[in-house]
């Protein structure tokens, strides 16, 4: 519950916290649900929230007085924007590798086994992974994204955030 309180105070969605901390969204969901997390996950989250790691493990922790500025000195909005730009850059890098390697594999397929287009299976499998990275980079989760999460919190609180 503490992680959820800290996250909501910063105005972040679970996806945004996952991007900033490098922890998976599923891990954040589990931690917010009351399950215990690994030391690495808790340390990453403590660094993002700019609090001592030991305080994340305490059940009734008092919140630090100033949660507005993360450890690196950037305001939360700038930190989120930077993480978003890094995700987009990572997507384009992966897309470039995909195009280059699939082109090389097509050439190999044409010269070595022209009768059987095995490269299509490689391109299909890898293409699905690249598409998932595209969805993550551009925040196109239509079902349980940040807007859905904000609406659910507003519904529970009975007011707008």
C-alpha atoms as a PDB file:
ATOM      1  CA  UNK A   1       0.000   0.000   0.000  1.00  0.00           C
ATOM      2  CA  UNK A   2       2.882   2.378   0.703  1.00  0.00           C
ATOM      3  CA  UNK A   3       4.202   2.120  -2.831  1.00  0.00           C
ATOM      4  CA  UNK A   4       0.754   2.889  -4.187  1.00  0.00           C
ATOM      5  CA  UNK A   5       0.454   5.953  -1.919  1.00  0.00           C
ATOM      6  CA  UNK A   6       3.851   7.233  -3.013  1.00  0.00           C
ATOM      7  CA  UNK A   7       3.030   6.588  -6.660  1.00  0.00           C
ATOM      8  CA  UNK A   8      -0.304   8.405  -6.453  1.00  0.00           C
ATOM      9  CA  UNK A   9       1.268  11.341  -4.624  1.00  0.00           C
ATOM     10  CA  UNK A  10       3.650  11.732  -7.544  1.00  0.00           C
ATOM     11  CA  UNK A  11       0.735  11.404  -9.973  1.00  0.00           C
ATOM     12  CA  UNK A  12       2.299   8.443 -11.766  1.00  0.00           C
ATOM     13  CA  UNK A  13       0.575   5.445 -13.281  1.00  0.00           C
ATOM     14  CA  UNK A  14       1.924   1.959 -12.664  1.00  0.00           C
ATOM     15  CA  UNK A  15       3.367   1.972 -16.176  1.00  0.00           C
ATOM     16  CA  UNK A  16       5.157   5.265 -15.569  1.00  0.00           C
ATOM     17  CA  UNK A  17       6.617   4.024 -12.290  1.00  0.00           C
ATOM     18  CA  UNK A  18       7.749   0.854 -14.053  1.00  0.00           C
ATOM     19  CA  UNK A  19       9.532   2.923 -16.728  1.00  0.00           C
ATOM     20  CA  UNK A  20      11.278   5.108 -14.175  1.00  0.00           C
ATOM     21  CA  UNK A  21      12.362   2.273 -11.892  1.00  0.00           C
ATOM     22  CA  UNK A  22      13.091  -0.481 -14.392  1.00  0.00           C
ATOM     23  CA  UNK A  23      10.741  -2.796 -12.474  1.00  0.00           C
ATOM     24  CA  UNK A  24       7.976  -4.605 -14.361  1.00  0.00           C
ATOM     25  CA  UNK A  25       4.397  -3.405 -14.114  1.00  0.00           C
ATOM     26  CA  UNK A  26       3.385  -6.821 -12.780  1.00  0.00           C
ATOM     27  CA  UNK A  27       5.907  -6.513  -9.937  1.00  0.00           C
ATOM     28  CA  UNK A  28       4.501  -3.113  -9.033  1.00  0.00           C
ATOM     29  CA  UNK A  29       0.984  -4.555  -9.054  1.00  0.00           C
ATOM     30  CA  UNK A  30       2.094  -7.344  -6.727  1.00  0.00           C
ATOM     31  CA  UNK A  31       3.846  -4.948  -4.354  1.00  0.00           C
ATOM     32  CA  UNK A  32       0.827  -2.664  -4.260  1.00  0.00           C
ATOM     33  CA  UNK A  33      -1.313  -5.711  -3.557  1.00  0.00           C
ATOM     34  CA  UNK A  34       0.685  -6.428  -0.398  1.00  0.00           C
ATOM     35  CA  UNK A  35       3.086  -9.111  -1.602  1.00  0.00           C
ATOM     36  CA  UNK A  36       6.746  -8.884  -0.702  1.00  0.00           C
ATOM     37  CA  UNK A  37       9.256  -7.865  -3.332  1.00  0.00           C
ATOM     38  CA  UNK A  38      12.852  -8.704  -4.051  1.00  0.00           C
ATOM     39  CA  UNK A  39      15.634  -6.542  -2.680  1.00  0.00           C
ATOM     40  CA  UNK A  40      16.501  -5.318  -6.175  1.00  0.00           C
ATOM     41  CA  UNK A  41      12.910  -4.226  -6.868  1.00  0.00           C
ATOM     42  CA  UNK A  42      12.578  -2.425  -3.548  1.00  0.00           C
ATOM     43  CA  UNK A  43      15.946  -0.694  -4.005  1.00  0.00           C
ATOM     44  CA  UNK A  44      14.963   0.487  -7.486  1.00  0.00           C
ATOM     45  CA  UNK A  45      11.652   1.842  -6.211  1.00  0.00           C
ATOM     46  CA  UNK A  46      13.301   3.504  -3.220  1.00  0.00           C
ATOM     47  CA  UNK A  47      15.714   5.262  -5.593  1.00  0.00           C
ATOM     48  CA  UNK A  48      12.847   6.550  -7.735  1.00  0.00           C
ATOM     49  CA  UNK A  49      10.922   7.815  -4.699  1.00  0.00           C
ATOM     50  CA  UNK A  50      14.155   9.209  -3.202  1.00  0.00           C
ATOM     51  CA  UNK A  51      13.642   7.486   0.141  1.00  0.00           C
ATOM     52  CA  UNK A  52      15.771   5.131   2.179  1.00  0.00           C
ATOM     53  CA  UNK A  53      15.452   1.501   1.134  1.00  0.00           C
ATOM     54  CA  UNK A  54      14.835   0.355   4.717  1.00  0.00           C
ATOM     55  CA  UNK A  55      11.800   2.614   4.979  1.00  0.00           C
ATOM     56  CA  UNK A  56      10.065   0.803   2.120  1.00  0.00           C
ATOM     57  CA  UNK A  57      10.134  -2.414   4.133  1.00  0.00           C
ATOM     58  CA  UNK A  58       8.502  -0.888   7.218  1.00  0.00           C
ATOM     59  CA  UNK A  59       4.725  -1.424   7.296  1.00  0.00           C
ATOM     60  CA  UNK A  60       3.689   1.949   8.828  1.00  0.00           C
ATOM     61  CA  UNK A  61       6.091   4.375   7.313  1.00  0.00           C
ATOM     62  CA  UNK A  62       5.712   8.128   7.559  1.00  0.00           C
ATOM     63  CA  UNK A  63       6.077   9.782   4.184  1.00  0.00           C
ATOM     64  CA  UNK A  64       9.065  12.053   3.670  1.00  0.00           C
ATOM     65  CA  UNK A  65       8.138  15.741   3.730  1.00  0.00           C
ATOM     66  CA  UNK A  66       9.333  16.530   0.214  1.00  0.00           C
ATOM     67  CA  UNK A  67       8.366  14.000  -2.435  1.00  0.00           C
ATOM     68  CA  UNK A  68       8.330  16.545  -5.238  1.00  0.00           C
ATOM     69  CA  UNK A  69      11.965  16.248  -6.323  1.00  0.00           C
ATOM     70  CA  UNK A  70      13.506  12.883  -7.228  1.00  0.00           C
ATOM     71  CA  UNK A  71      17.117  11.988  -6.469  1.00  0.00           C
ATOM     72  CA  UNK A  72      18.534  13.295  -9.746  1.00  0.00           C
ATOM     73  CA  UNK A  73      17.058  16.766  -9.185  1.00  0.00           C
ATOM     74  CA  UNK A  74      14.556  16.591 -12.037  1.00  0.00           C
ATOM     75  CA  UNK A  75      10.907  17.372 -11.403  1.00  0.00           C
ATOM     76  CA  UNK A  76       8.637  14.325 -11.824  1.00  0.00           C
ATOM     77  CA  UNK A  77       7.242  15.583 -15.140  1.00  0.00           C
ATOM     78  CA  UNK A  78      10.727  15.928 -16.616  1.00  0.00           C
ATOM     79  CA  UNK A  79      11.783  12.521 -15.308  1.00  0.00           C
ATOM     80  CA  UNK A  80       8.720  10.936 -16.927  1.00  0.00           C
ATOM     81  CA  UNK A  81       9.354  12.769 -20.193  1.00  0.00           C
ATOM     82  CA  UNK A  82      12.976  11.626 -20.176  1.00  0.00           C
ATOM     83  CA  UNK A  83      11.953   8.012 -19.525  1.00  0.00           C
ATOM     84  CA  UNK A  84       9.391   8.224 -22.342  1.00  0.00           C
ATOM     85  CA  UNK A  85      11.961   9.576 -24.801  1.00  0.00           C
ATOM     86  CA  UNK A  86      14.383   6.805 -23.800  1.00  0.00           C
ATOM     87  CA  UNK A  87      11.677   4.196 -24.489  1.00  0.00           C
ATOM     88  CA  UNK A  88      11.043   5.677 -27.933  1.00  0.00           C
ATOM     89  CA  UNK A  89      14.775   5.739 -28.688  1.00  0.00           C
ATOM     90  CA  UNK A  90      15.073   2.110 -27.595  1.00  0.00           C
ATOM     91  CA  UNK A  91      12.155   1.164 -29.848  1.00  0.00           C
ATOM     92  CA  UNK A  92      13.740   2.802 -32.898  1.00  0.00           C
ATOM     93  CA  UNK A  93      17.029   1.057 -32.164  1.00  0.00           C
ATOM     94  CA  UNK A  94      15.266  -2.306 -31.974  1.00  0.00           C
ATOM     95  CA  UNK A  95      13.344  -1.554 -35.163  1.00  0.00           C
ATOM     96  CA  UNK A  96      16.564  -0.721 -37.005  1.00  0.00           C
ATOM     97  CA  UNK A  97      18.184  -3.993 -35.902  1.00  0.00           C
ATOM     98  CA  UNK A  98      15.045  -5.871 -36.930  1.00  0.00           C
ATOM     99  CA  UNK A  99      15.076  -4.366 -40.435  1.00  0.00           C
ATOM    100  CA  UNK A 100      18.821  -4.932 -40.935  1.00  0.00           C
ATOM    101  CA  UNK A 101      18.867  -8.523 -39.717  1.00  0.00           C
ATOM    102  CA  UNK A 102      15.672  -9.544 -41.506  1.00  0.00           C
ATOM    103  CA  UNK A 103      17.058  -8.051 -44.743  1.00  0.00           C
ATOM    104  CA  UNK A 104      20.228 -10.112 -44.314  1.00  0.00           C
ATOM    105  CA  UNK A 105      18.190 -13.232 -43.559  1.00  0.00           C
ATOM    106  CA  UNK A 106      16.034 -12.662 -46.650  1.00  0.00           C
ATOM    107  CA  UNK A 107      19.191 -12.519 -48.765  1.00  0.00           C
ATOM    108  CA  UNK A 108      20.466 -15.735 -47.169  1.00  0.00           C
ATOM    109  CA  UNK A 109      17.064 -17.379 -47.672  1.00  0.00           C
ATOM    110  CA  UNK A 110      16.930 -16.400 -51.363  1.00  0.00           C
ATOM    111  CA  UNK A 111      20.430 -17.700 -52.113  1.00  0.00           C
ATOM    112  CA  UNK A 112      20.483 -20.859 -49.984  1.00  0.00           C
ATOM    113  CA  UNK A 113      16.906 -22.152 -49.942  1.00  0.00           C
ATOM    114  CA  UNK A 114      14.858 -20.252 -52.521  1.00  0.00           C
ATOM    115  CA  UNK A 115      12.040 -22.811 -52.491  1.00  0.00           C
ATOM    116  CA  UNK A 116      11.129 -22.436 -48.821  1.00  0.00           C
ATOM    117  CA  UNK A 117      10.599 -18.974 -47.251  1.00  0.00           C
ATOM    118  CA  UNK A 118      11.677 -19.847 -43.721  1.00  0.00           C
ATOM    119  CA  UNK A 119      12.629 -16.234 -43.071  1.00  0.00           C
ATOM    120  CA  UNK A 120       8.912 -15.384 -42.888  1.00  0.00           C
ATOM    121  CA  UNK A 121       8.619 -17.322 -39.618  1.00  0.00           C
ATOM    122  CA  UNK A 122      11.569 -15.469 -38.122  1.00  0.00           C
ATOM    123  CA  UNK A 123      10.198 -12.117 -39.275  1.00  0.00           C
ATOM    124  CA  UNK A 124       6.735 -12.924 -37.921  1.00  0.00           C
ATOM    125  CA  UNK A 125       7.974 -13.926 -34.468  1.00  0.00           C
ATOM    126  CA  UNK A 126      10.400 -11.070 -34.121  1.00  0.00           C
ATOM    127  CA  UNK A 127       7.872  -8.651 -35.645  1.00  0.00           C
ATOM    128  CA  UNK A 128       5.376  -9.416 -32.874  1.00  0.00           C
ATOM    129  CA  UNK A 129       8.033  -8.576 -30.277  1.00  0.00           C
ATOM    130  CA  UNK A 130       8.897  -5.311 -32.058  1.00  0.00           C
ATOM    131  CA  UNK A 131       5.174  -4.458 -32.193  1.00  0.00           C
ATOM    132  CA  UNK A 132       4.898  -4.980 -28.438  1.00  0.00           C
ATOM    133  CA  UNK A 133       7.838  -2.626 -27.921  1.00  0.00           C
ATOM    134  CA  UNK A 134       6.050  -0.107 -30.145  1.00  0.00           C
ATOM    135  CA  UNK A 135       2.955  -0.312 -27.948  1.00  0.00           C
ATOM    136  CA  UNK A 136       5.082   0.234 -24.844  1.00  0.00           C
ATOM    137  CA  UNK A 137       7.127   3.086 -26.309  1.00  0.00           C
ATOM    138  CA  UNK A 138       4.163   5.075 -27.541  1.00  0.00           C
ATOM    139  CA  UNK A 139       1.841   4.232 -24.636  1.00  0.00           C
ATOM    140  CA  UNK A 140      -0.892   2.730 -26.761  1.00  0.00           C
ATOM    141  CA  UNK A 141      -2.343   0.338 -24.171  1.00  0.00           C
ATOM    142  CA  UNK A 142      -6.063   0.826 -24.856  1.00  0.00           C
ATOM    143  CA  UNK A 143      -7.324  -1.284 -21.976  1.00  0.00           C
ATOM    144  CA  UNK A 144      -5.494  -0.785 -18.694  1.00  0.00           C
ATOM    145  CA  UNK A 145      -3.406   2.297 -19.349  1.00  0.00           C
ATOM    146  CA  UNK A 146      -2.826   5.412 -17.305  1.00  0.00           C
ATOM    147  CA  UNK A 147      -6.227   6.921 -18.206  1.00  0.00           C
ATOM    148  CA  UNK A 148      -8.078   3.835 -16.984  1.00  0.00           C
ATOM    149  CA  UNK A 149      -6.051   3.831 -13.776  1.00  0.00           C
ATOM    150  CA  UNK A 150      -6.758   7.528 -13.149  1.00  0.00           C
ATOM    151  CA  UNK A 151     -10.502   7.004 -13.708  1.00  0.00           C
ATOM    152  CA  UNK A 152     -10.560   4.098 -11.247  1.00  0.00           C
ATOM    153  CA  UNK A 153      -8.772   6.139  -8.570  1.00  0.00           C
ATOM    154  CA  UNK A 154     -11.157   9.047  -9.124  1.00  0.00           C
ATOM    155  CA  UNK A 155     -14.112   6.683  -8.845  1.00  0.00           C
ATOM    156  CA  UNK A 156     -12.798   5.257  -5.566  1.00  0.00           C
ATOM    157  CA  UNK A 157     -12.058   8.695  -4.126  1.00  0.00           C
ATOM    158  CA  UNK A 158     -15.297  10.220  -5.385  1.00  0.00           C
ATOM    159  CA  UNK A 159     -13.478  13.254  -6.767  1.00  0.00           C
ATOM    160  CA  UNK A 160     -11.225  14.295  -9.634  1.00  0.00           C
ATOM    161  CA  UNK A 161      -7.469  14.182  -9.201  1.00  0.00           C
END
